[in-house]
Amino acid sequence: MVGLKAPDVPPTATMKFVSAGTAACIADLCTFPLDTAKVRLQIQGEVWIPRPIGSVEYRGVLGTLSTMAAGLYSGLAAGLQRQMSFASIRIGLYDSVKQLYTPKGAESTGLAARLLAGCTTGAVAGTCAQPTDVVKVRFQANRALPESTRRYSSTMDAYRTIAREEGFRGLWKGTLPNIARNAIVNCGELVTYDLIKDALLREQLMTGFCPALVASPVDVVKTRYMNAGPRQYRNVLSCLLALLMQDGLSGFYKGFMPSFLRLGSWNVVMFISYEQLQRVAVLART
């Protein structure tokens, strides 16, 4: 990294926790339109969504972004709330959890310990941030509907409406696919970054391809299930089967390109910001 030169003092767990949440919010601000495009493409084609006659469906990344130009940052408030809880845990606590899985006396941390740490922090973070993720997805999808049929007027209204109409379980809808998705993505991002950190500083985009490719089917099902109305699907499996019957295997990769572009660019911004924020925190401490 260029710029600040920090003393040879390791950042504390608190520094990592705060730096991770802040860096993730910076990355979200830069890449949120791609996330919205991904959600819109993933829910496209659901038979329950009303569409005006002659409406133009989303086509590709650029077509989707241009079609929804007015709502590129729909759900940003929930997205930032999600990152402050989600990224702080999965990234900020990764090194600490990794040490728990490393055998005492070991000279270095093995791949198994890194993978376990990535899965653990990803799953715990996803569970804690679940309500914010549900609201983010609902609000992003909400803006795709005609104004007369929109379910929520604001992010806070989405929280209130979901809690009132669907109860406590509504805010934790899709927890299992979300945990699976977050564990996969967290391993793909953090373990890769951990193992080949120097290479990633030059070729950051690859850190987005592998997680996007592996996690895309789970991500599509997660998005559709979170966005589903009451009693639309009996469970996650019925959502998966409905997607398979309607769109075939290709349906599991809806929104893949914006997901890949978003994960790649998000990681570039996030990890650079994360490293620099830790340097600032160490300088302030010393």
C-alpha atoms as a PDB file:
ATOM      1  CA  MET A   1       0.000   0.000   0.000  1.00  0.00           C
ATOM      2  CA  VAL A   2       1.156   3.498  -0.725  1.00  0.00           C
ATOM      3  CA  GLY A   3       0.655   6.480   1.519  1.00  0.00           C
ATOM      4  CA  LEU A   4       0.693   6.098   5.270  1.00  0.00           C
ATOM      5  CA  LYS A   5       3.555   4.256   6.916  1.00  0.00           C
ATOM      6  CA  ALA A   6       2.403   2.768  10.188  1.00  0.00           C
ATOM      7  CA  PRO A   7       4.696   1.723  13.049  1.00  0.00           C
ATOM      8  CA  ASP A   8       5.476  -1.966  13.386  1.00  0.00           C
ATOM      9  CA  VAL A   9       2.555  -2.504  15.782  1.00  0.00           C
ATOM     10  CA  PRO A  10      -0.206  -5.012  14.942  1.00  0.00           C
ATOM     11  CA  PRO A  11      -3.756  -3.644  14.929  1.00  0.00           C
ATOM     12  CA  THR A  12      -5.978  -4.792  17.769  1.00  0.00           C
ATOM     13  CA  ALA A  13      -9.135  -6.860  17.259  1.00  0.00           C
ATOM     14  CA  THR A  14     -11.232  -3.744  17.896  1.00  0.00           C
ATOM     15  CA  MET A  15      -9.312  -1.821  15.233  1.00  0.00           C
ATOM     16  CA  LYS A  16      -9.915  -4.625  12.745  1.00  0.00           C
ATOM     17  CA  PHE A  17     -13.598  -4.805  13.679  1.00  0.00           C
ATOM     18  CA  VAL A  18     -14.206  -1.073  13.170  1.00  0.00           C
ATOM     19  CA  SER A  19     -11.953  -0.824  10.101  1.00  0.00           C
ATOM     20  CA  ALA A  20     -13.736  -3.745   8.421  1.00  0.00           C
ATOM     21  CA  GLY A  21     -17.194  -2.244   8.918  1.00  0.00           C
ATOM     22  CA  THR A  22     -16.101   1.189   7.707  1.00  0.00           C
ATOM     23  CA  ALA A  23     -14.227  -0.187   4.700  1.00  0.00           C
ATOM     24  CA  ALA A  24     -17.219  -2.335   3.721  1.00  0.00           C
ATOM     25  CA  CYS A  25     -19.498   0.715   3.818  1.00  0.00           C
ATOM     26  CA  ILE A  26     -17.083   2.614   1.559  1.00  0.00           C
ATOM     27  CA  ALA A  27     -17.057  -0.339  -0.852  1.00  0.00           C
ATOM     28  CA  ASP A  28     -20.874  -0.529  -0.757  1.00  0.00           C
ATOM     29  CA  LEU A  29     -21.198   3.159  -1.601  1.00  0.00           C
ATOM     30  CA  CYS A  30     -19.008   2.617  -4.657  1.00  0.00           C
ATOM     31  CA  THR A  31     -20.609  -0.609  -5.938  1.00  0.00           C
ATOM     32  CA  PHE A  32     -24.220  -0.598  -4.697  1.00  0.00           C
ATOM     33  CA  PRO A  33     -25.773  -0.041  -8.162  1.00  0.00           C
ATOM     34  CA  LEU A  34     -24.256  -3.352  -9.303  1.00  0.00           C
ATOM     35  CA  ASP A  35     -25.805  -5.084  -6.289  1.00  0.00           C
ATOM     36  CA  THR A  36     -29.204  -3.613  -7.134  1.00  0.00           C
ATOM     37  CA  ALA A  37     -28.787  -4.731 -10.758  1.00  0.00           C
ATOM     38  CA  LYS A  38     -27.982  -8.254  -9.532  1.00  0.00           C
ATOM     39  CA  VAL A  39     -31.120  -8.405  -7.370  1.00  0.00           C
ATOM     40  CA  ARG A  40     -33.338  -7.080 -10.187  1.00  0.00           C
ATOM     41  CA  LEU A  41     -31.985  -9.701 -12.613  1.00  0.00           C
ATOM     42  CA  GLN A  42     -32.340 -12.488 -10.040  1.00  0.00           C
ATOM     43  CA  ILE A  43     -36.033 -11.788  -9.412  1.00  0.00           C
ATOM     44  CA  GLN A  44     -36.819 -11.135 -13.076  1.00  0.00           C
ATOM     45  CA  GLY A  45     -39.279 -13.625 -14.462  1.00  0.00           C
ATOM     46  CA  GLU A  46     -41.076 -14.449 -11.219  1.00  0.00           C
ATOM     47  CA  VAL A  47     -44.674 -14.982 -12.267  1.00  0.00           C
ATOM     48  CA  TRP A  48     -46.170 -13.214  -9.205  1.00  0.00           C
ATOM     49  CA  ILE A  49     -44.572  -9.850  -9.981  1.00  0.00           C
ATOM     50  CA  PRO A  50     -47.070  -7.611 -11.834  1.00  0.00           C
ATOM     51  CA  ARG A  51     -45.742  -5.939 -14.965  1.00  0.00           C
ATOM     52  CA  PRO A  52     -47.341  -3.262 -17.116  1.00  0.00           C
ATOM     53  CA  ILE A  53     -48.172  -4.383 -20.639  1.00  0.00           C
ATOM     54  CA  GLY A  54     -45.275  -3.665 -22.952  1.00  0.00           C
ATOM     55  CA  SER A  55     -42.788  -3.198 -20.107  1.00  0.00           C
ATOM     56  CA  VAL A  56     -39.160  -3.760 -21.003  1.00  0.00           C
ATOM     57  CA  GLU A  57     -37.390  -6.487 -19.074  1.00  0.00           C
ATOM     58  CA  TYR A  58     -33.826  -6.048 -17.901  1.00  0.00           C
ATOM     59  CA  ARG A  59     -31.200  -7.127 -20.417  1.00  0.00           C
ATOM     60  CA  GLY A  60     -27.605  -7.483 -19.262  1.00  0.00           C
ATOM     61  CA  VAL A  61     -25.678  -5.323 -16.830  1.00  0.00           C
ATOM     62  CA  LEU A  62     -25.731  -2.053 -18.777  1.00  0.00           C
ATOM     63  CA  GLY A  63     -29.348  -2.512 -19.840  1.00  0.00           C
ATOM     64  CA  THR A  64     -30.405  -3.127 -16.259  1.00  0.00           C
ATOM     65  CA  LEU A  65     -28.461  -0.133 -14.926  1.00  0.00           C
ATOM     66  CA  SER A  66     -29.893   2.194 -17.580  1.00  0.00           C
ATOM     67  CA  THR A  67     -33.471   0.919 -17.073  1.00  0.00           C
ATOM     68  CA  MET A  68     -33.401   1.453 -13.299  1.00  0.00           C
ATOM     69  CA  ALA A  69     -31.307   4.668 -13.350  1.00  0.00           C
ATOM     70  CA  ALA A  70     -33.620   6.397 -10.858  1.00  0.00           C
ATOM     71  CA  GLY A  71     -33.306   3.634  -8.258  1.00  0.00           C
ATOM     72  CA  LEU A  72     -29.623   2.702  -8.398  1.00  0.00           C
ATOM     73  CA  TYR A  73     -29.219   3.234  -4.651  1.00  0.00           C
ATOM     74  CA  SER A  74     -32.574   1.824  -3.509  1.00  0.00           C
ATOM     75  CA  GLY A  75     -32.072   0.080  -0.167  1.00  0.00           C
ATOM     76  CA  LEU A  76     -28.678   1.696   0.487  1.00  0.00           C
ATOM     77  CA  ALA A  77     -29.542   2.493   4.121  1.00  0.00           C
ATOM     78  CA  ALA A  78     -30.235  -1.177   4.859  1.00  0.00           C
ATOM     79  CA  GLY A  79     -27.144  -2.121   2.852  1.00  0.00           C
ATOM     80  CA  LEU A  80     -24.907   0.076   5.009  1.00  0.00           C
ATOM     81  CA  GLN A  81     -26.567  -1.221   8.177  1.00  0.00           C
ATOM     82  CA  ARG A  82     -25.880  -4.737   6.927  1.00  0.00           C
ATOM     83  CA  GLN A  83     -22.210  -4.031   6.277  1.00  0.00           C
ATOM     84  CA  MET A  84     -21.631  -2.481   9.703  1.00  0.00           C
ATOM     85  CA  SER A  85     -22.752  -5.722  11.336  1.00  0.00           C
ATOM     86  CA  PHE A  86     -21.915  -8.259   8.628  1.00  0.00           C
ATOM     87  CA  ALA A  87     -18.466  -7.144   7.471  1.00  0.00           C
ATOM     88  CA  SER A  88     -17.323  -6.158  10.956  1.00  0.00           C
ATOM     89  CA  ILE A  89     -17.830  -9.733  12.125  1.00  0.00           C
ATOM     90  CA  ARG A  90     -16.783 -11.758   9.084  1.00  0.00           C
ATOM     91  CA  ILE A  91     -13.664  -9.710   8.293  1.00  0.00           C
ATOM     92  CA  GLY A  92     -12.820  -8.072  11.597  1.00  0.00           C
ATOM     93  CA  LEU A  93     -12.925 -11.330  13.565  1.00  0.00           C
ATOM     94  CA  TYR A  94     -11.442 -13.593  10.873  1.00  0.00           C
ATOM     95  CA  ASP A  95      -7.852 -13.479  12.188  1.00  0.00           C
ATOM     96  CA  SER A  96      -8.946 -14.096  15.782  1.00  0.00           C
ATOM     97  CA  VAL A  97     -11.137 -17.062  14.814  1.00  0.00           C
ATOM     98  CA  LYS A  98      -8.389 -18.406  12.565  1.00  0.00           C
ATOM     99  CA  GLN A  99      -6.059 -18.553  15.556  1.00  0.00           C
ATOM    100  CA  LEU A 100      -8.666 -20.574  17.488  1.00  0.00           C
ATOM    101  CA  TYR A 101      -8.575 -23.251  14.772  1.00  0.00           C
ATOM    102  CA  THR A 102      -4.770 -23.258  14.547  1.00  0.00           C
ATOM    103  CA  PRO A 103      -3.163 -26.040  16.651  1.00  0.00           C
ATOM    104  CA  LYS A 104      -0.990 -24.830  19.502  1.00  0.00           C
ATOM    105  CA  GLY A 105       2.660 -24.734  18.592  1.00  0.00           C
ATOM    106  CA  ALA A 106       2.012 -24.715  14.838  1.00  0.00           C
ATOM    107  CA  GLU A 107       4.458 -22.552  12.875  1.00  0.00           C
ATOM    108  CA  SER A 108       1.792 -21.382  10.445  1.00  0.00           C
ATOM    109  CA  THR A 109      -1.951 -21.573   9.893  1.00  0.00           C
ATOM    110  CA  GLY A 110      -3.003 -24.322   7.503  1.00  0.00           C
ATOM    111  CA  LEU A 111      -5.599 -24.165   4.759  1.00  0.00           C
ATOM    112  CA  ALA A 112      -8.147 -26.149   6.819  1.00  0.00           C
ATOM    113  CA  ALA A 113      -8.004 -23.632   9.678  1.00  0.00           C
ATOM    114  CA  ARG A 114      -8.427 -20.743   7.248  1.00  0.00           C
ATOM    115  CA  LEU A 115     -11.436 -22.373   5.590  1.00  0.00           C
ATOM    116  CA  LEU A 116     -13.051 -23.154   8.933  1.00  0.00           C
ATOM    117  CA  ALA A 117     -12.484 -19.568  10.081  1.00  0.00           C
ATOM    118  CA  GLY A 118     -13.976 -18.223   6.845  1.00  0.00           C
ATOM    119  CA  CYS A 119     -17.052 -20.458   7.150  1.00  0.00           C
ATOM    120  CA  THR A 120     -17.512 -19.657  10.845  1.00  0.00           C
ATOM    121  CA  THR A 121     -17.280 -15.872  10.612  1.00  0.00           C
ATOM    122  CA  GLY A 122     -19.336 -15.822   7.404  1.00  0.00           C
ATOM    123  CA  ALA A 123     -22.128 -17.896   8.962  1.00  0.00           C
ATOM    124  CA  VAL A 124     -22.194 -15.949  12.241  1.00  0.00           C
ATOM    125  CA  ALA A 125     -22.093 -12.592  10.450  1.00  0.00           C
ATOM    126  CA  GLY A 126     -24.870 -13.617   8.068  1.00  0.00           C
ATOM    127  CA  THR A 127     -27.100 -14.677  10.954  1.00  0.00           C
ATOM    128  CA  CYS A 128     -26.559 -11.421  12.855  1.00  0.00           C
ATOM    129  CA  ALA A 129     -27.163  -9.259   9.780  1.00  0.00           C
ATOM    130  CA  GLN A 130     -30.120 -11.278   8.439  1.00  0.00           C
ATOM    131  CA  PRO A 131     -32.895  -8.672   9.034  1.00  0.00           C
ATOM    132  CA  THR A 132     -30.899  -5.957   7.248  1.00  0.00           C
ATOM    133  CA  ASP A 133     -30.299  -8.294   4.307  1.00  0.00           C
ATOM    134  CA  VAL A 134     -33.998  -9.140   4.001  1.00  0.00           C
ATOM    135  CA  VAL A 135     -34.948  -5.452   4.024  1.00  0.00           C
ATOM    136  CA  LYS A 136     -32.203  -4.577   1.526  1.00  0.00           C
ATOM    137  CA  VAL A 137     -33.373  -7.235  -0.935  1.00  0.00           C
ATOM    138  CA  ARG A 138     -37.061  -6.357  -0.462  1.00  0.00           C
ATOM    139  CA  PHE A 139     -36.479  -2.655  -1.002  1.00  0.00           C
ATOM    140  CA  GLN A 140     -34.243  -3.196  -4.037  1.00  0.00           C
ATOM    141  CA  ALA A 141     -36.931  -5.421  -5.559  1.00  0.00           C
ATOM    142  CA  ASN A 142     -39.705  -3.073  -4.426  1.00  0.00           C
ATOM    143  CA  ARG A 143     -38.490  -0.283  -6.695  1.00  0.00           C
ATOM    144  CA  ALA A 144     -38.828  -2.592  -9.699  1.00  0.00           C
ATOM    145  CA  LEU A 145     -42.625  -2.655  -9.235  1.00  0.00           C
ATOM    146  CA  PRO A 146     -45.056  -0.083 -10.627  1.00  0.00           C
ATOM    147  CA  GLU A 147     -45.476   2.737  -8.114  1.00  0.00           C
ATOM    148  CA  SER A 148     -49.100   1.808  -7.375  1.00  0.00           C
ATOM    149  CA  THR A 149     -48.146  -1.727  -6.299  1.00  0.00           C
ATOM    150  CA  ARG A 150     -44.998  -1.011  -4.260  1.00  0.00           C
ATOM    151  CA  ARG A 151     -45.046  -2.584  -0.833  1.00  0.00           C
ATOM    152  CA  TYR A 152     -42.745  -0.166   1.000  1.00  0.00           C
ATOM    153  CA  SER A 153     -42.304   3.606   0.933  1.00  0.00           C
ATOM    154  CA  SER A 154     -38.884   3.637   2.631  1.00  0.00           C
ATOM    155  CA  THR A 155     -36.299   1.370   4.207  1.00  0.00           C
ATOM    156  CA  MET A 156     -37.689   1.939   7.715  1.00  0.00           C
ATOM    157  CA  ASP A 157     -41.206   1.320   6.424  1.00  0.00           C
ATOM    158  CA  ALA A 158     -39.965  -2.024   5.082  1.00  0.00           C
ATOM    159  CA  TYR A 159     -38.724  -3.012   8.563  1.00  0.00           C
ATOM    160  CA  ARG A 160     -42.054  -2.045  10.143  1.00  0.00           C
ATOM    161  CA  THR A 161     -44.241  -3.636   7.471  1.00  0.00           C
ATOM    162  CA  ILE A 162     -42.363  -6.953   7.409  1.00  0.00           C
ATOM    163  CA  ALA A 163     -42.397  -7.182  11.225  1.00  0.00           C
ATOM    164  CA  ARG A 164     -46.121  -6.326  11.366  1.00  0.00           C
ATOM    165  CA  GLU A 165     -47.333  -8.562   8.514  1.00  0.00           C
ATOM    166  CA  GLU A 166     -44.904 -11.490   8.761  1.00  0.00           C
ATOM    167  CA  GLY A 167     -43.756 -11.334  12.345  1.00  0.00           C
ATOM    168  CA  PHE A 168     -40.325 -12.092  13.753  1.00  0.00           C
ATOM    169  CA  ARG A 169     -39.789 -14.920  11.258  1.00  0.00           C
ATOM    170  CA  GLY A 170     -40.257 -12.557   8.321  1.00  0.00           C
ATOM    171  CA  LEU A 171     -37.071 -10.657   9.133  1.00  0.00           C
ATOM    172  CA  TRP A 172     -35.150 -13.932   9.299  1.00  0.00           C
ATOM    173  CA  LYS A 173     -36.617 -15.334   6.091  1.00  0.00           C
ATOM    174  CA  GLY A 174     -34.061 -17.231   4.016  1.00  0.00           C
ATOM    175  CA  THR A 175     -31.539 -17.573   6.840  1.00  0.00           C
ATOM    176  CA  LEU A 176     -30.271 -21.024   5.781  1.00  0.00           C
ATOM    177  CA  PRO A 177     -29.499 -20.163   2.124  1.00  0.00           C
ATOM    178  CA  ASN A 178     -28.059 -16.861   3.304  1.00  0.00           C
ATOM    179  CA  ILE A 179     -25.729 -18.620   5.755  1.00  0.00           C
ATOM    180  CA  ALA A 180     -24.641 -21.035   3.008  1.00  0.00           C
ATOM    181  CA  ARG A 181     -24.065 -18.191   0.571  1.00  0.00           C
ATOM    182  CA  ASN A 182     -22.113 -16.087   3.095  1.00  0.00           C
ATOM    183  CA  ALA A 183     -19.917 -19.009   4.162  1.00  0.00           C
ATOM    184  CA  ILE A 184     -19.009 -19.710   0.516  1.00  0.00           C
ATOM    185  CA  VAL A 185     -18.364 -16.069  -0.348  1.00  0.00           C
ATOM    186  CA  ASN A 186     -16.402 -15.450   2.836  1.00  0.00           C
ATOM    187  CA  CYS A 187     -14.094 -18.387   2.141  1.00  0.00           C
ATOM    188  CA  GLY A 188     -13.692 -17.336  -1.470  1.00  0.00           C
ATOM    189  CA  GLU A 189     -12.803 -13.781  -0.507  1.00  0.00           C
ATOM    190  CA  LEU A 190     -10.896 -13.948   2.769  1.00  0.00           C
ATOM    191  CA  VAL A 191      -9.059 -17.241   2.377  1.00  0.00           C
ATOM    192  CA  THR A 192      -7.967 -16.323  -1.138  1.00  0.00           C
ATOM    193  CA  TYR A 193      -6.873 -12.891   0.031  1.00  0.00           C
ATOM    194  CA  ASP A 194      -5.121 -14.413   3.028  1.00  0.00           C
ATOM    195  CA  LEU A 195      -3.186 -16.962   0.970  1.00  0.00           C
ATOM    196  CA  ILE A 196      -2.113 -14.800  -1.947  1.00  0.00           C
ATOM    197  CA  LYS A 197      -2.305 -11.296  -0.550  1.00  0.00           C
ATOM    198  CA  ASP A 198       0.590  -9.913  -2.545  1.00  0.00           C
ATOM    199  CA  ALA A 199      -0.835 -11.241  -5.809  1.00  0.00           C
ATOM    200  CA  LEU A 200      -4.274  -9.849  -5.032  1.00  0.00           C
ATOM    201  CA  LEU A 201      -2.838  -6.353  -4.759  1.00  0.00           C
ATOM    202  CA  ARG A 202      -2.100  -6.638  -8.476  1.00  0.00           C
ATOM    203  CA  GLU A 203      -5.044  -8.812  -9.645  1.00  0.00           C
ATOM    204  CA  GLN A 204      -7.911  -8.079  -7.300  1.00  0.00           C
ATOM    205  CA  LEU A 205     -10.652  -9.003  -9.809  1.00  0.00           C
ATOM    206  CA  MET A 206     -10.063 -12.761  -9.407  1.00  0.00           C
ATOM    207  CA  THR A 207     -11.243 -12.565  -5.814  1.00  0.00           C
ATOM    208  CA  GLY A 208     -14.730 -11.891  -7.158  1.00  0.00           C
ATOM    209  CA  PHE A 209     -14.931 -14.579  -9.841  1.00  0.00           C
ATOM    210  CA  CYS A 210     -14.635 -17.737  -7.738  1.00  0.00           C
ATOM    211  CA  PRO A 211     -17.138 -16.699  -5.021  1.00  0.00           C
ATOM    212  CA  ALA A 212     -19.605 -15.448  -7.651  1.00  0.00           C
ATOM    213  CA  LEU A 213     -19.370 -18.674  -9.666  1.00  0.00           C
ATOM    214  CA  VAL A 214     -19.788 -21.042  -6.710  1.00  0.00           C
ATOM    215  CA  ALA A 215     -22.296 -18.997  -4.710  1.00  0.00           C
ATOM    216  CA  SER A 216     -24.546 -17.806  -7.554  1.00  0.00           C
ATOM    217  CA  PRO A 217     -27.167 -20.634  -7.349  1.00  0.00           C
ATOM    218  CA  VAL A 218     -27.525 -20.187  -3.577  1.00  0.00           C
ATOM    219  CA  ASP A 219     -27.579 -16.406  -3.982  1.00  0.00           C
ATOM    220  CA  VAL A 220     -30.421 -16.481  -6.535  1.00  0.00           C
ATOM    221  CA  VAL A 221     -32.542 -18.767  -4.343  1.00  0.00           C
ATOM    222  CA  LYS A 222     -31.742 -16.629  -1.283  1.00  0.00           C
ATOM    223  CA  THR A 223     -32.793 -13.423  -3.058  1.00  0.00           C
ATOM    224  CA  ARG A 224     -36.055 -14.893  -4.375  1.00  0.00           C
ATOM    225  CA  TYR A 225     -36.977 -16.476  -1.050  1.00  0.00           C
ATOM    226  CA  MET A 226     -36.209 -13.299   0.920  1.00  0.00           C
ATOM    227  CA  ASN A 227     -38.267 -11.237  -1.520  1.00  0.00           C
ATOM    228  CA  ALA A 228     -41.210 -13.660  -1.562  1.00  0.00           C
ATOM    229  CA  GLY A 229     -44.555 -12.624  -0.172  1.00  0.00           C
ATOM    230  CA  PRO A 230     -46.338 -14.556   2.595  1.00  0.00           C
ATOM    231  CA  ARG A 231     -47.131 -18.155   1.564  1.00  0.00           C
ATOM    232  CA  GLN A 232     -45.600 -17.717  -1.886  1.00  0.00           C
ATOM    233  CA  TYR A 233     -43.217 -20.612  -1.190  1.00  0.00           C
ATOM    234  CA  ARG A 234     -43.625 -23.302   1.451  1.00  0.00           C
ATOM    235  CA  ASN A 235     -39.897 -23.393   2.170  1.00  0.00           C
ATOM    236  CA  VAL A 236     -36.474 -22.838   0.590  1.00  0.00           C
ATOM    237  CA  LEU A 237     -36.665 -26.135  -1.310  1.00  0.00           C
ATOM    238  CA  SER A 238     -39.983 -25.215  -2.946  1.00  0.00           C
ATOM    239  CA  CYS A 239     -38.423 -21.897  -4.012  1.00  0.00           C
ATOM    240  CA  LEU A 240     -35.475 -23.754  -5.535  1.00  0.00           C
ATOM    241  CA  LEU A 241     -37.753 -26.185  -7.386  1.00  0.00           C
ATOM    242  CA  ALA A 242     -39.975 -23.372  -8.684  1.00  0.00           C
ATOM    243  CA  LEU A 243     -36.919 -21.587 -10.077  1.00  0.00           C
ATOM    244  CA  LEU A 244     -35.661 -24.806 -11.673  1.00  0.00           C
ATOM    245  CA  MET A 245     -39.037 -25.588 -13.259  1.00  0.00           C
ATOM    246  CA  GLN A 246     -39.516 -22.063 -14.557  1.00  0.00           C
ATOM    247  CA  ASP A 247     -36.028 -21.145 -15.802  1.00  0.00           C
ATOM    248  CA  GLY A 248     -34.022 -24.372 -15.847  1.00  0.00           C
ATOM    249  CA  LEU A 249     -30.410 -24.562 -14.714  1.00  0.00           C
ATOM    250  CA  SER A 250     -29.608 -21.202 -16.305  1.00  0.00           C
ATOM    251  CA  GLY A 251     -31.934 -19.582 -13.772  1.00  0.00           C
ATOM    252  CA  PHE A 252     -29.408 -20.301 -11.024  1.00  0.00           C
ATOM    253  CA  TYR A 253     -26.992 -17.897 -12.721  1.00  0.00           C
ATOM    254  CA  LYS A 254     -29.341 -14.955 -13.162  1.00  0.00           C
ATOM    255  CA  GLY A 255     -27.491 -11.764 -12.325  1.00  0.00           C
ATOM    256  CA  PHE A 256     -24.104 -13.505 -12.496  1.00  0.00           C
ATOM    257  CA  MET A 257     -22.307 -10.735 -14.407  1.00  0.00           C
ATOM    258  CA  PRO A 258     -23.249  -7.850 -12.072  1.00  0.00           C
ATOM    259  CA  SER A 259     -22.572 -10.174  -9.128  1.00  0.00           C
ATOM    260  CA  PHE A 260     -19.085 -10.927 -10.456  1.00  0.00           C
ATOM    261  CA  LEU A 261     -18.348  -7.290 -11.297  1.00  0.00           C
ATOM    262  CA  ARG A 262     -19.658  -6.174  -7.934  1.00  0.00           C
ATOM    263  CA  LEU A 263     -17.699  -8.724  -5.893  1.00  0.00           C
ATOM    264  CA  GLY A 264     -14.502  -7.972  -7.795  1.00  0.00           C
ATOM    265  CA  SER A 265     -14.722  -4.184  -7.542  1.00  0.00           C
ATOM    266  CA  TRP A 266     -16.156  -4.370  -3.997  1.00  0.00           C
ATOM    267  CA  ASN A 267     -13.126  -6.350  -2.836  1.00  0.00           C
ATOM    268  CA  VAL A 268     -10.700  -3.946  -4.491  1.00  0.00           C
ATOM    269  CA  VAL A 269     -12.213  -0.972  -2.675  1.00  0.00           C
ATOM    270  CA  MET A 270     -12.865  -2.812   0.592  1.00  0.00           C
ATOM    271  CA  PHE A 271      -9.436  -4.395   1.090  1.00  0.00           C
ATOM    272  CA  ILE A 272      -7.537  -1.252   0.102  1.00  0.00           C
ATOM    273  CA  SER A 273      -9.720   0.813   2.470  1.00  0.00           C
ATOM    274  CA  TYR A 274      -9.384  -1.852   5.179  1.00  0.00           C
ATOM    275  CA  GLU A 275      -5.588  -1.835   5.062  1.00  0.00           C
ATOM    276  CA  GLN A 276      -5.388   1.953   5.085  1.00  0.00           C
ATOM    277  CA  LEU A 277      -7.914   2.353   7.902  1.00  0.00           C
ATOM    278  CA  GLN A 278      -5.917  -0.090  10.034  1.00  0.00           C
ATOM    279  CA  ARG A 279      -2.784   1.980   9.380  1.00  0.00           C
ATOM    280  CA  VAL A 280      -4.624   5.144  10.433  1.00  0.00           C
ATOM    281  CA  ALA A 281      -5.877   3.408  13.598  1.00  0.00           C
ATOM    282  CA  VAL A 282      -2.369   2.204  14.508  1.00  0.00           C
ATOM    283  CA  LEU A 283      -0.906   5.677  13.906  1.00  0.00           C
ATOM    284  CA  ALA A 284      -3.618   7.250  16.071  1.00  0.00           C
ATOM    285  CA  ARG A 285      -2.965   4.720  18.822  1.00  0.00           C
ATOM    286  CA  THR A 286       0.812   5.217  18.868  1.00  0.00           C
END
